[in-house]
Amino acid sequence: MTDLTFDEFTDVVRERLGIADAVDLERLHRFREDLMSDEEKAVIPQGWYHNVFDELEVQGHLDGASSKMNGYDACGRLSAEGRYYLAHPLDEE
């Protein structure tokens, strides 16, 4: 995961949110603390967590309860559009 571009990181977060939502749709998942391993946390720039939140929000892929947190983290779950995108990724292109 050391050579990820920001766009690739966005895809990773979106996919992991989808997996986490499948387990517990009621919970807001913390991008850094819940979705990344310790090794990944060490190499992902801290500012990317707020940036990926902004990117997913602009795309309409985050539920309205999602939010940025203090300490460079964000929490959220996918919107219906975000879940649809994961199920049908070619439809967005």
Protein backbone atom coordinates (compact mmCIF):
# COMPACT_ATOMS: atom_id res chain seq x y z
CA MET A 1 0.00 0.00 0.00
CA THR A 2 3.04 2.27 0.04
CA ASP A 3 2.74 3.38 -3.59
CA LEU A 4 -0.98 4.16 -3.75
CA THR A 5 -2.17 7.21 -5.57
CA PHE A 6 -4.87 9.28 -3.91
CA ASP A 7 -7.46 7.95 -6.37
CA GLU A 8 -6.48 4.37 -5.54
CA PHE A 9 -6.71 5.17 -1.83
CA THR A 10 -10.20 6.59 -2.40
CA ASP A 11 -11.22 3.30 -4.02
CA VAL A 12 -9.75 1.31 -1.10
CA VAL A 13 -11.67 3.36 1.48
CA ARG A 14 -14.92 3.11 -0.51
CA GLU A 15 -14.53 -0.67 -0.84
CA ARG A 16 -13.66 -1.16 2.83
CA LEU A 17 -16.60 1.01 3.89
CA GLY A 18 -18.82 -1.26 1.81
CA ILE A 19 -17.44 -4.34 3.55
CA ALA A 20 -17.81 -2.73 6.99
CA ASP A 21 -21.37 -1.61 6.17
CA ALA A 22 -22.27 -5.16 5.17
CA VAL A 23 -21.33 -6.26 8.69
CA ASP A 24 -22.92 -3.30 10.54
CA LEU A 25 -24.89 -0.74 8.52
CA GLU A 26 -25.97 1.21 11.60
CA ARG A 27 -22.43 2.08 12.71
CA LEU A 28 -20.28 4.96 11.43
CA HIS A 29 -16.88 3.47 10.58
CA ARG A 30 -13.71 5.43 11.28
CA PHE A 31 -11.62 5.58 8.12
CA ARG A 32 -8.20 5.45 9.78
CA GLU A 33 -8.89 3.54 12.99
CA ASP A 34 -11.42 0.98 11.73
CA LEU A 35 -10.54 0.48 8.06
CA MET A 36 -6.71 0.59 7.99
CA SER A 37 -4.16 -1.80 9.45
CA ASP A 38 -1.33 -0.52 11.62
CA GLU A 39 1.08 -0.93 8.69
CA GLU A 40 -1.19 1.08 6.41
CA LYS A 41 -1.63 3.84 9.01
CA ALA A 42 2.13 4.30 9.06
CA VAL A 43 2.39 5.06 5.32
CA ILE A 44 -0.85 6.87 4.44
CA PRO A 45 -0.49 10.66 4.73
CA GLN A 46 -2.69 11.91 7.58
CA GLY A 47 -4.34 14.60 5.47
CA TRP A 48 -5.66 12.02 3.03
CA TYR A 49 -8.41 10.89 5.43
CA HIS A 50 -10.14 14.29 5.33
CA ASN A 51 -9.42 14.57 1.60
CA VAL A 52 -10.95 11.18 0.84
CA PHE A 53 -13.98 12.15 2.90
CA ASP A 54 -14.38 15.26 0.72
CA GLU A 55 -13.98 13.21 -2.46
CA LEU A 56 -16.55 10.59 -1.46
CA GLU A 57 -18.95 13.28 -0.24
CA VAL A 58 -18.76 15.19 -3.55
CA GLN A 59 -19.44 11.93 -5.41
CA GLY A 60 -22.55 11.39 -3.27
CA HIS A 61 -21.13 8.14 -1.89
CA LEU A 62 -21.36 8.99 1.84
CA ASP A 63 -24.43 8.82 4.05
CA GLY A 64 -25.54 12.17 5.50
CA ALA A 65 -24.50 11.12 9.03
CA SER A 66 -20.85 10.82 7.93
CA SER A 67 -18.44 13.48 9.19
CA LYS A 68 -14.84 14.59 9.59
CA MET A 69 -13.32 14.07 13.01
CA ASN A 70 -10.52 15.76 14.95
CA GLY A 71 -7.12 14.21 14.53
CA TYR A 72 -7.17 13.69 10.76
CA ASP A 73 -9.81 10.94 10.81
CA ALA A 74 -13.32 10.76 9.41
CA CYS A 75 -16.23 8.44 10.07
CA GLY A 76 -19.03 7.34 7.86
CA ARG A 77 -20.95 4.78 5.94
CA LEU A 78 -21.86 4.57 2.30
CA SER A 79 -24.99 6.11 0.87
CA ALA A 80 -27.28 4.10 -1.36
CA GLU A 81 -25.41 5.65 -4.32
CA GLY A 82 -22.09 4.52 -2.87
CA ARG A 83 -23.34 0.96 -2.42
CA TYR A 84 -24.72 1.01 -5.98
CA TYR A 85 -21.35 2.21 -7.30
CA LEU A 86 -19.59 -0.73 -5.62
CA ALA A 87 -22.07 -3.17 -7.12
CA HIS A 88 -21.97 -1.54 -10.59
CA PRO A 89 -18.63 0.32 -10.95
CA LEU A 90 -18.78 0.58 -14.75
CA ASP A 91 -22.10 2.44 -14.64
CA GLU A 92 -20.34 5.55 -13.23
CA GLU A 93 -17.82 5.87 -16.08
